[in-house]
Amino acid sequence: MVLWGIGLGAQESILRAAVATLVPTERRGTAYGLFNAWYGGAWFLGSAASACSTTAHCPR
């Protein structure tokens, strides 16, 4: 759990810094909003896929 937290913290800070570097200042709010929407959607889909794959193989 600790390693997951360290990895998530490093990844999020690096990705946010990349968005800040790549996007002009006047469009940064929109860029962060889109980034977080895609990131959250991917997180949800990944969690759902993980849940489906583990429950499909569990004995009943």
N, C-alpha and C. Protein backbone atom coordinates (compact mmCIF):
# COMPACT_ATOMS: atom_id res chain seq x y z
N MET A 1 0.82 -1.18 0.00
CA MET A 1 0.00 0.00 0.00
C MET A 1 0.87 1.25 0.00
N VAL A 2 1.95 1.21 0.74
CA VAL A 2 2.85 2.37 0.79
C VAL A 2 3.48 2.61 -0.58
N LEU A 3 3.89 1.55 -1.23
CA LEU A 3 4.50 1.70 -2.56
C LEU A 3 3.49 2.24 -3.57
N TRP A 4 2.24 1.82 -3.46
CA TRP A 4 1.21 2.34 -4.35
C TRP A 4 1.04 3.84 -4.14
N GLY A 5 1.04 4.27 -2.89
CA GLY A 5 0.91 5.69 -2.58
C GLY A 5 2.08 6.50 -3.10
N ILE A 6 3.28 5.97 -2.96
CA ILE A 6 4.47 6.67 -3.47
C ILE A 6 4.41 6.76 -4.99
N GLY A 7 4.05 5.68 -5.64
CA GLY A 7 3.94 5.69 -7.10
C GLY A 7 2.87 6.65 -7.60
N LEU A 8 1.73 6.66 -6.95
CA LEU A 8 0.65 7.56 -7.34
C LEU A 8 1.04 9.01 -7.13
N GLY A 9 1.68 9.30 -6.01
CA GLY A 9 2.12 10.67 -5.75
C GLY A 9 3.14 11.15 -6.76
N ALA A 10 4.08 10.30 -7.11
CA ALA A 10 5.09 10.68 -8.10
C ALA A 10 4.46 10.84 -9.48
N GLN A 11 3.59 9.92 -9.84
CA GLN A 11 2.96 9.97 -11.17
C GLN A 11 2.10 11.21 -11.31
N GLU A 12 1.28 11.49 -10.32
CA GLU A 12 0.39 12.64 -10.43
C GLU A 12 1.17 13.95 -10.48
N SER A 13 2.23 14.07 -9.70
CA SER A 13 2.99 15.32 -9.72
C SER A 13 3.70 15.50 -11.06
N ILE A 14 4.22 14.43 -11.62
CA ILE A 14 4.92 14.51 -12.91
C ILE A 14 3.93 14.83 -14.03
N LEU A 15 2.78 14.18 -14.03
CA LEU A 15 1.79 14.43 -15.09
C LEU A 15 1.24 15.84 -15.00
N ARG A 16 0.99 16.34 -13.80
CA ARG A 16 0.49 17.71 -13.66
C ARG A 16 1.55 18.72 -14.09
N ALA A 17 2.79 18.45 -13.79
CA ALA A 17 3.87 19.34 -14.23
C ALA A 17 3.98 19.32 -15.75
N ALA A 18 3.78 18.15 -16.36
CA ALA A 18 3.83 18.06 -17.82
C ALA A 18 2.71 18.86 -18.45
N VAL A 19 1.51 18.80 -17.88
CA VAL A 19 0.39 19.58 -18.40
C VAL A 19 0.72 21.06 -18.30
N ALA A 20 1.27 21.48 -17.17
CA ALA A 20 1.62 22.89 -16.98
C ALA A 20 2.67 23.34 -17.97
N THR A 21 3.59 22.46 -18.32
CA THR A 21 4.66 22.81 -19.26
C THR A 21 4.15 22.87 -20.70
N LEU A 22 3.27 21.97 -21.07
CA LEU A 22 2.84 21.84 -22.45
C LEU A 22 1.71 22.78 -22.86
N VAL A 23 0.95 23.28 -21.90
CA VAL A 23 -0.25 24.05 -22.21
C VAL A 23 -0.02 25.53 -21.88
N PRO A 24 -0.46 26.42 -22.76
CA PRO A 24 -0.34 27.85 -22.47
C PRO A 24 -1.11 28.22 -21.19
N THR A 25 -0.65 29.25 -20.52
CA THR A 25 -1.23 29.65 -19.24
C THR A 25 -2.72 29.91 -19.31
N GLU A 26 -3.19 30.56 -20.35
CA GLU A 26 -4.61 30.90 -20.44
C GLU A 26 -5.52 29.69 -20.67
N ARG A 27 -4.97 28.54 -21.03
CA ARG A 27 -5.79 27.34 -21.27
C ARG A 27 -5.53 26.26 -20.23
N ARG A 28 -4.76 26.58 -19.20
CA ARG A 28 -4.36 25.58 -18.21
C ARG A 28 -5.54 25.00 -17.43
N GLY A 29 -6.51 25.83 -17.08
CA GLY A 29 -7.68 25.33 -16.34
C GLY A 29 -8.44 24.28 -17.14
N THR A 30 -8.64 24.54 -18.41
CA THR A 30 -9.32 23.58 -19.28
C THR A 30 -8.50 22.30 -19.42
N ALA A 31 -7.19 22.47 -19.55
CA ALA A 31 -6.31 21.31 -19.69
C ALA A 31 -6.34 20.43 -18.44
N TYR A 32 -6.31 21.06 -17.27
CA TYR A 32 -6.38 20.27 -16.04
C TYR A 32 -7.73 19.58 -15.90
N GLY A 33 -8.80 20.26 -16.30
CA GLY A 33 -10.12 19.64 -16.25
C GLY A 33 -10.22 18.43 -17.16
N LEU A 34 -9.73 18.56 -18.39
CA LEU A 34 -9.74 17.42 -19.32
C LEU A 34 -8.84 16.29 -18.82
N PHE A 35 -7.68 16.67 -18.31
CA PHE A 35 -6.76 15.66 -17.79
C PHE A 35 -7.41 14.87 -16.67
N ASN A 36 -8.01 15.57 -15.73
CA ASN A 36 -8.64 14.88 -14.60
C ASN A 36 -9.84 14.05 -15.02
N ALA A 37 -10.58 14.51 -16.03
CA ALA A 37 -11.71 13.72 -16.53
C ALA A 37 -11.23 12.41 -17.15
N TRP A 38 -10.23 12.50 -18.00
CA TRP A 38 -9.69 11.29 -18.63
C TRP A 38 -9.03 10.37 -17.60
N TYR A 39 -8.28 10.95 -16.68
CA TYR A 39 -7.60 10.17 -15.65
C TYR A 39 -8.63 9.45 -14.77
N GLY A 40 -9.67 10.17 -14.36
CA GLY A 40 -10.71 9.56 -13.54
C GLY A 40 -11.48 8.48 -14.28
N GLY A 41 -11.77 8.73 -15.56
CA GLY A 41 -12.47 7.72 -16.36
C GLY A 41 -11.64 6.46 -16.55
N ALA A 42 -10.37 6.65 -16.81
CA ALA A 42 -9.47 5.50 -16.97
C ALA A 42 -9.33 4.74 -15.65
N TRP A 43 -9.28 5.48 -14.55
CA TRP A 43 -9.19 4.84 -13.23
C TRP A 43 -10.44 3.99 -12.98
N PHE A 44 -11.60 4.54 -13.29
CA PHE A 44 -12.86 3.81 -13.11
C PHE A 44 -12.89 2.55 -13.98
N LEU A 45 -12.56 2.70 -15.24
CA LEU A 45 -12.58 1.54 -16.14
C LEU A 45 -11.58 0.47 -15.71
N GLY A 46 -10.42 0.89 -15.28
CA GLY A 46 -9.43 -0.06 -14.80
C GLY A 46 -9.90 -0.79 -13.55
N SER A 47 -10.52 -0.07 -12.65
CA SER A 47 -11.05 -0.70 -11.43
C SER A 47 -12.18 -1.66 -11.76
N ALA A 48 -13.06 -1.26 -12.67
CA ALA A 48 -14.16 -2.13 -13.07
C ALA A 48 -13.64 -3.40 -13.76
N ALA A 49 -12.65 -3.24 -14.63
CA ALA A 49 -12.08 -4.40 -15.31
C ALA A 49 -11.39 -5.33 -14.32
N SER A 50 -10.71 -4.75 -13.36
CA SER A 50 -10.05 -5.56 -12.33
C SER A 50 -11.07 -6.34 -11.50
N ALA A 51 -12.16 -5.67 -11.13
CA ALA A 51 -13.20 -6.35 -10.35
C ALA A 51 -13.85 -7.47 -11.16
N CYS A 52 -14.11 -7.22 -12.43
CA CYS A 52 -14.72 -8.25 -13.28
C CYS A 52 -13.80 -9.44 -13.47
N SER A 53 -12.52 -9.17 -13.64
CA SER A 53 -11.59 -10.28 -13.87
C SER A 53 -11.37 -11.11 -12.63
N THR A 54 -11.42 -10.50 -11.47
CA THR A 54 -11.21 -11.29 -10.25
C THR A 54 -12.47 -12.03 -9.81
N THR A 55 -13.62 -11.44 -10.02
CA THR A 55 -14.85 -12.12 -9.60
C THR A 55 -15.25 -13.23 -10.57
N ALA A 56 -14.84 -13.12 -11.81
CA ALA A 56 -15.18 -14.17 -12.79
C ALA A 56 -14.44 -15.46 -12.49
N HIS A 57 -13.30 -15.37 -11.85
CA HIS A 57 -12.50 -16.56 -11.58
C HIS A 57 -12.60 -17.05 -10.13
N CYS A 58 -13.40 -16.38 -9.34
CA CYS A 58 -13.55 -16.80 -7.95
C CYS A 58 -14.54 -17.95 -7.86
N PRO A 59 -14.23 -18.96 -7.03
CA PRO A 59 -15.20 -20.05 -6.86
C PRO A 59 -16.44 -19.54 -6.13
N ARG A 60 -17.58 -20.10 -6.47
CA ARG A 60 -18.84 -19.67 -5.84
C ARG A 60 -19.33 -20.67 -4.86
